Amino acid sequence: HPVDEVHKGIPDARYFSTDKNPIQKALWVEYKHMSELPVRDTTKVKPSWSSDLQRITLTAFARAGDNCRAVLFYGQNERVDTMLVFIFKTVDEWTNGVPVSEVRKRSMSIQSYIALLNKMFTGDEK
């Protein structure tokens, strides 16, 4: 059924700005989880897509000019506050992968990720 196929490809979240920060374009995000990063610094990390349709849809939205990201949470999820977040910023990054060394360098805490979203979409620093 076509509706089901389209639904399976829609990214997990779409964030909209508030009136206080009207210049920020909406953002589509596909969330992924990985227990731990590969050991080798040169190994490339890519999102594990549930279906090709997820990757194709996010890529199509990005090429159409929408802000799009794939966001990877990694670490043991017994304690969510200790997990780290990595943002795949471009089609190239989520398609071809990013070396583990770069993932570690650009990772942030979940709290920092939430603060980043707040700053982008509400204009608040909190």
N, C-alpha and C. Protein backbone atom coordinates (compact mmCIF):
# COMPACT_ATOMS: atom_id res chain seq x y z
N HIS A 1 0.84 -1.18 0.00
CA HIS A 1 0.00 0.00 0.00
C HIS A 1 0.89 1.24 0.00
N PRO A 2 0.72 2.16 -0.94
CA PRO A 2 1.61 3.32 -1.07
C PRO A 2 1.69 4.21 0.17
N VAL A 3 0.60 4.40 0.89
CA VAL A 3 0.63 5.26 2.07
C VAL A 3 1.57 4.69 3.11
N ASP A 4 1.53 3.37 3.31
CA ASP A 4 2.43 2.74 4.28
C ASP A 4 3.88 2.93 3.88
N GLU A 5 4.18 2.80 2.60
CA GLU A 5 5.55 2.95 2.12
C GLU A 5 6.04 4.38 2.36
N VAL A 6 5.22 5.36 2.10
CA VAL A 6 5.62 6.75 2.32
C VAL A 6 5.85 6.99 3.81
N HIS A 7 4.94 6.47 4.64
CA HIS A 7 5.06 6.66 6.09
C HIS A 7 6.37 6.09 6.61
N LYS A 8 6.79 4.95 6.11
CA LYS A 8 8.03 4.31 6.57
C LYS A 8 9.25 5.16 6.23
N GLY A 9 9.15 6.03 5.22
CA GLY A 9 10.29 6.83 4.81
C GLY A 9 10.35 8.20 5.43
N ILE A 10 9.31 8.62 6.14
CA ILE A 10 9.29 9.96 6.73
C ILE A 10 10.25 10.01 7.92
N PRO A 11 11.10 11.05 8.00
CA PRO A 11 12.03 11.15 9.13
C PRO A 11 11.30 11.19 10.47
N ASP A 12 12.03 10.87 11.54
CA ASP A 12 11.45 10.73 12.88
C ASP A 12 10.88 12.03 13.44
N ALA A 13 11.51 13.16 13.13
CA ALA A 13 11.07 14.42 13.74
C ALA A 13 11.23 15.57 12.76
N ARG A 14 10.38 16.57 12.94
CA ARG A 14 10.53 17.83 12.23
C ARG A 14 10.36 18.94 13.25
N TYR A 15 11.37 19.78 13.35
CA TYR A 15 11.37 20.86 14.33
C TYR A 15 11.07 22.18 13.61
N PHE A 16 10.25 23.01 14.25
CA PHE A 16 9.89 24.32 13.72
C PHE A 16 10.32 25.40 14.69
N SER A 17 10.70 26.55 14.16
CA SER A 17 11.10 27.66 15.03
C SER A 17 9.88 28.33 15.64
N THR A 18 10.15 29.10 16.69
CA THR A 18 9.09 29.87 17.34
C THR A 18 9.06 31.27 16.72
N ASP A 19 8.08 32.05 17.07
CA ASP A 19 7.99 33.42 16.58
C ASP A 19 9.20 34.26 16.98
N LYS A 20 9.83 33.88 18.12
CA LYS A 20 11.01 34.63 18.58
C LYS A 20 12.22 34.41 17.67
N ASN A 21 12.23 33.33 16.92
CA ASN A 21 13.37 33.02 16.06
C ASN A 21 12.85 32.61 14.68
N PRO A 22 12.16 33.51 13.99
CA PRO A 22 11.45 33.13 12.76
C PRO A 22 12.34 32.83 11.56
N ILE A 23 13.63 33.17 11.62
CA ILE A 23 14.47 32.96 10.45
C ILE A 23 14.98 31.53 10.32
N GLN A 24 14.89 30.74 11.39
CA GLN A 24 15.37 29.35 11.34
C GLN A 24 14.42 28.50 10.52
N LYS A 25 14.95 27.87 9.46
CA LYS A 25 14.13 26.95 8.68
C LYS A 25 13.82 25.70 9.50
N ALA A 26 12.75 25.04 9.14
CA ALA A 26 12.42 23.78 9.81
C ALA A 26 13.54 22.77 9.59
N LEU A 27 13.62 21.79 10.46
CA LEU A 27 14.67 20.77 10.41
C LEU A 27 14.06 19.38 10.49
N TRP A 28 14.39 18.55 9.51
CA TRP A 28 14.01 17.13 9.52
C TRP A 28 15.14 16.36 10.17
N VAL A 29 14.81 15.43 11.08
CA VAL A 29 15.84 14.61 11.73
C VAL A 29 15.43 13.14 11.72
N GLU A 30 16.38 12.30 11.33
CA GLU A 30 16.22 10.85 11.45
C GLU A 30 17.14 10.42 12.59
N TYR A 31 16.57 9.82 13.66
CA TYR A 31 17.34 9.40 14.82
C TYR A 31 17.75 7.93 14.69
N LYS A 32 18.99 7.65 15.08
CA LYS A 32 19.53 6.30 15.05
C LYS A 32 20.27 6.03 16.36
N HIS A 33 20.46 4.74 16.68
CA HIS A 33 21.17 4.34 17.89
C HIS A 33 22.21 3.28 17.56
N MET A 34 23.33 3.34 18.27
CA MET A 34 24.40 2.34 18.14
C MET A 34 24.94 2.11 19.55
N SER A 35 25.11 0.86 19.93
CA SER A 35 25.60 0.57 21.28
C SER A 35 26.98 1.16 21.52
N GLU A 36 27.88 0.94 20.58
CA GLU A 36 29.22 1.51 20.72
C GLU A 36 29.82 1.74 19.35
N LEU A 37 30.78 2.64 19.30
CA LEU A 37 31.47 2.94 18.04
C LEU A 37 32.46 1.83 17.73
N PRO A 38 32.77 1.63 16.45
CA PRO A 38 33.83 0.68 16.11
C PRO A 38 35.15 1.10 16.78
N VAL A 39 36.05 0.16 16.96
CA VAL A 39 37.31 0.41 17.68
C VAL A 39 38.28 1.27 16.86
N ARG A 40 38.45 0.94 15.58
CA ARG A 40 39.43 1.63 14.73
C ARG A 40 39.01 3.06 14.41
N ASP A 41 39.94 4.00 14.57
CA ASP A 41 39.66 5.42 14.28
C ASP A 41 39.31 5.68 12.82
N THR A 42 39.80 4.83 11.93
CA THR A 42 39.58 5.06 10.50
C THR A 42 38.29 4.42 9.97
N THR A 43 37.69 3.56 10.77
CA THR A 43 36.44 2.92 10.34
C THR A 43 35.37 3.99 10.18
N LYS A 44 34.63 3.91 9.08
CA LYS A 44 33.57 4.90 8.83
C LYS A 44 32.27 4.47 9.50
N VAL A 45 31.63 5.43 10.15
CA VAL A 45 30.35 5.21 10.81
C VAL A 45 29.26 5.79 9.92
N LYS A 46 28.23 5.00 9.68
CA LYS A 46 27.06 5.44 8.91
C LYS A 46 25.82 5.10 9.70
N PRO A 47 24.74 5.85 9.48
CA PRO A 47 23.48 5.46 10.12
C PRO A 47 23.05 4.10 9.59
N SER A 48 22.43 3.29 10.45
CA SER A 48 21.87 2.03 9.96
C SER A 48 20.39 2.30 9.66
N TRP A 49 20.08 2.42 8.40
CA TRP A 49 18.73 2.75 7.95
C TRP A 49 17.83 1.54 8.07
N SER A 50 16.62 1.73 8.57
CA SER A 50 15.64 0.64 8.64
C SER A 50 15.22 0.21 7.25
N SER A 51 15.26 1.16 6.33
CA SER A 51 14.95 0.85 4.93
C SER A 51 15.66 1.87 4.06
N ASP A 52 15.90 1.51 2.79
CA ASP A 52 16.50 2.46 1.85
C ASP A 52 15.62 3.69 1.72
N LEU A 53 14.32 3.51 1.91
CA LEU A 53 13.38 4.61 1.77
C LEU A 53 13.68 5.73 2.76
N GLN A 54 14.12 5.40 3.98
CA GLN A 54 14.48 6.43 4.96
C GLN A 54 15.60 7.31 4.41
N ARG A 55 16.67 6.68 3.94
CA ARG A 55 17.82 7.41 3.40
C ARG A 55 17.42 8.21 2.17
N ILE A 56 16.67 7.59 1.27
CA ILE A 56 16.25 8.24 0.04
C ILE A 56 15.39 9.47 0.33
N THR A 57 14.46 9.34 1.27
CA THR A 57 13.57 10.46 1.62
C THR A 57 14.35 11.61 2.24
N LEU A 58 15.21 11.32 3.24
CA LEU A 58 15.98 12.37 3.88
C LEU A 58 16.87 13.07 2.86
N THR A 59 17.48 12.30 1.98
CA THR A 59 18.34 12.86 0.94
C THR A 59 17.54 13.73 -0.02
N ALA A 60 16.36 13.28 -0.41
CA ALA A 60 15.51 14.06 -1.31
C ALA A 60 15.10 15.38 -0.66
N PHE A 61 14.74 15.34 0.62
CA PHE A 61 14.37 16.57 1.34
C PHE A 61 15.57 17.53 1.38
N ALA A 62 16.76 17.00 1.64
CA ALA A 62 17.98 17.83 1.71
C ALA A 62 18.27 18.47 0.35
N ARG A 63 18.17 17.68 -0.70
CA ARG A 63 18.45 18.21 -2.05
C ARG A 63 17.41 19.23 -2.49
N ALA A 64 16.22 19.17 -1.88
CA ALA A 64 15.16 20.14 -2.19
C ALA A 64 15.36 21.44 -1.39
N GLY A 65 16.39 21.48 -0.54
CA GLY A 65 16.69 22.69 0.19
C GLY A 65 16.28 22.69 1.65
N ASP A 66 15.68 21.60 2.13
CA ASP A 66 15.31 21.52 3.54
C ASP A 66 16.56 21.27 4.40
N ASN A 67 16.51 21.73 5.65
CA ASN A 67 17.55 21.38 6.61
C ASN A 67 17.29 19.95 7.04
N CYS A 68 18.27 19.08 6.91
CA CYS A 68 18.11 17.67 7.25
C CYS A 68 19.36 17.17 7.97
N ARG A 69 19.15 16.32 8.96
CA ARG A 69 20.26 15.71 9.69
C ARG A 69 19.88 14.28 10.05
N ALA A 70 20.91 13.43 10.12
CA ALA A 70 20.76 12.12 10.74
C ALA A 70 21.52 12.25 12.06
N VAL A 71 20.90 11.85 13.16
CA VAL A 71 21.49 12.02 14.48
C VAL A 71 21.67 10.65 15.12
N LEU A 72 22.91 10.37 15.51
CA LEU A 72 23.25 9.08 16.10
C LEU A 72 23.45 9.24 17.60
N PHE A 73 22.70 8.45 18.37
CA PHE A 73 22.93 8.33 19.81
C PHE A 73 23.77 7.07 19.98
N TYR A 74 24.85 7.16 20.75
CA TYR A 74 25.63 5.94 20.97
C TYR A 74 26.08 5.84 22.42
N GLY A 75 26.30 4.60 22.81
CA GLY A 75 26.65 4.27 24.18
C GLY A 75 25.57 3.37 24.75
N GLN A 76 25.82 2.86 25.92
CA GLN A 76 24.85 1.98 26.56
C GLN A 76 23.64 2.80 26.99
N ASN A 77 22.44 2.33 26.66
CA ASN A 77 21.26 3.14 26.93
C ASN A 77 20.59 2.86 28.28
N GLU A 78 21.30 2.18 29.20
CA GLU A 78 20.74 2.04 30.55
C GLU A 78 20.69 3.41 31.23
N ARG A 79 21.68 4.25 30.91
CA ARG A 79 21.73 5.61 31.47
C ARG A 79 21.75 6.57 30.30
N VAL A 80 20.62 7.08 29.94
CA VAL A 80 20.50 7.97 28.79
C VAL A 80 21.40 9.19 28.93
N ASP A 81 21.56 9.69 30.16
CA ASP A 81 22.36 10.89 30.36
C ASP A 81 23.85 10.69 30.07
N THR A 82 24.31 9.45 29.93
CA THR A 82 25.71 9.21 29.62
C THR A 82 25.93 8.93 28.12
N MET A 83 24.86 8.83 27.37
CA MET A 83 25.00 8.57 25.93
C MET A 83 25.53 9.81 25.23
N LEU A 84 26.18 9.61 24.10
CA LEU A 84 26.71 10.71 23.31
C LEU A 84 25.91 10.84 22.02
N VAL A 85 26.01 12.02 21.41
CA VAL A 85 25.24 12.35 20.21
C VAL A 85 26.20 12.81 19.12
N PHE A 86 26.02 12.28 17.93
CA PHE A 86 26.77 12.74 16.76
C PHE A 86 25.78 13.13 15.67
N ILE A 87 26.02 14.27 15.04
CA ILE A 87 25.12 14.76 13.99
C ILE A 87 25.78 14.60 12.63
N PHE A 88 25.16 13.79 11.76
CA PHE A 88 25.57 13.70 10.36
C PHE A 88 24.94 14.92 9.68
N LYS A 89 25.77 15.86 9.23
CA LYS A 89 25.26 17.16 8.76
C LYS A 89 24.90 17.21 7.28
N THR A 90 25.47 16.31 6.49
CA THR A 90 25.27 16.40 5.04
C THR A 90 24.87 15.06 4.44
N VAL A 91 24.36 15.12 3.23
CA VAL A 91 24.02 13.89 2.48
C VAL A 91 25.27 13.02 2.36
N ASP A 92 26.39 13.63 2.05
CA ASP A 92 27.64 12.87 1.91
C ASP A 92 27.99 12.14 3.22
N GLU A 93 27.83 12.82 4.36
CA GLU A 93 28.18 12.19 5.63
C GLU A 93 27.28 11.00 5.94
N TRP A 94 25.95 11.14 5.74
CA TRP A 94 25.10 10.01 6.11
C TRP A 94 25.08 8.92 5.05
N THR A 95 25.55 9.24 3.84
CA THR A 95 25.62 8.23 2.78
C THR A 95 26.94 7.46 2.82
N ASN A 96 28.05 8.20 2.94
CA ASN A 96 29.38 7.58 2.84
C ASN A 96 30.04 7.32 4.19
N GLY A 97 29.51 7.92 5.25
CA GLY A 97 30.05 7.68 6.58
C GLY A 97 31.09 8.71 6.99
N VAL A 98 31.40 8.70 8.27
CA VAL A 98 32.36 9.61 8.89
C VAL A 98 33.31 8.75 9.72
N PRO A 99 34.65 8.99 9.61
CA PRO A 99 35.59 8.19 10.40
C PRO A 99 35.33 8.31 11.91
N VAL A 100 35.54 7.23 12.63
CA VAL A 100 35.33 7.20 14.07
C VAL A 100 36.05 8.36 14.76
N SER A 101 37.28 8.68 14.32
CA SER A 101 38.03 9.78 14.95
C SER A 101 37.26 11.09 14.86
N GLU A 102 36.61 11.36 13.73
CA GLU A 102 35.82 12.58 13.53
C GLU A 102 34.53 12.52 14.35
N VAL A 103 33.92 11.35 14.42
CA VAL A 103 32.71 11.19 15.22
C VAL A 103 33.01 11.53 16.68
N ARG A 104 34.11 10.99 17.21
CA ARG A 104 34.47 11.28 18.60
C ARG A 104 34.71 12.78 18.81
N LYS A 105 35.40 13.41 17.86
CA LYS A 105 35.75 14.83 17.97
C LYS A 105 34.50 15.72 17.98
N ARG A 106 33.50 15.37 17.17
CA ARG A 106 32.31 16.22 17.02
C ARG A 106 31.13 15.80 17.91
N SER A 107 31.30 14.77 18.70
CA SER A 107 30.20 14.29 19.55
C SER A 107 29.95 15.23 20.71
N MET A 108 28.73 15.16 21.23
CA MET A 108 28.33 15.99 22.37
C MET A 108 27.43 15.18 23.27
N SER A 109 27.20 15.71 24.46
CA SER A 109 26.28 15.05 25.39
C SER A 109 24.84 15.26 24.91
N ILE A 110 23.93 14.46 25.41
CA ILE A 110 22.52 14.64 25.09
C ILE A 110 22.06 16.01 25.57
N GLN A 111 22.53 16.43 26.73
CA GLN A 111 22.15 17.73 27.26
C GLN A 111 22.59 18.85 26.31
N SER A 112 23.80 18.74 25.76
CA SER A 112 24.30 19.74 24.81
C SER A 112 23.48 19.73 23.52
N TYR A 113 23.07 18.55 23.09
CA TYR A 113 22.24 18.45 21.87
C TYR A 113 20.90 19.14 22.09
N ILE A 114 20.28 18.90 23.23
CA ILE A 114 18.99 19.54 23.53
C ILE A 114 19.16 21.06 23.60
N ALA A 115 20.26 21.52 24.21
CA ALA A 115 20.53 22.96 24.28
C ALA A 115 20.71 23.55 22.88
N LEU A 116 21.37 22.80 21.99
CA LEU A 116 21.56 23.25 20.60
C LEU A 116 20.21 23.40 19.90
N LEU A 117 19.34 22.41 20.04
CA LEU A 117 18.00 22.50 19.44
C LEU A 117 17.23 23.70 19.99
N ASN A 118 17.29 23.90 21.32
CA ASN A 118 16.61 25.04 21.93
C ASN A 118 17.12 26.36 21.35
N LYS A 119 18.43 26.48 21.25
CA LYS A 119 19.01 27.72 20.73
C LYS A 119 18.59 27.96 19.28
N MET A 120 18.62 26.90 18.47
CA MET A 120 18.26 27.03 17.06
C MET A 120 16.80 27.41 16.86
N PHE A 121 15.92 26.79 17.62
CA PHE A 121 14.50 26.92 17.31
C PHE A 121 13.71 27.86 18.21
N THR A 122 14.23 28.17 19.38
CA THR A 122 13.51 29.13 20.24
C THR A 122 14.29 30.43 20.37
N GLY A 123 15.59 30.36 20.07
CA GLY A 123 16.43 31.53 20.27
C GLY A 123 16.92 31.63 21.70
N ASP A 124 16.45 30.72 22.58
CA ASP A 124 16.85 30.74 24.00
C ASP A 124 18.18 30.01 24.17
N GLU A 125 18.95 30.48 25.12
CA GLU A 125 20.23 29.84 25.43
C GLU A 125 20.06 28.71 26.43
N LYS A 126 18.89 28.58 27.03
CA LYS A 126 18.67 27.59 28.09
C LYS A 126 18.53 26.20 27.53
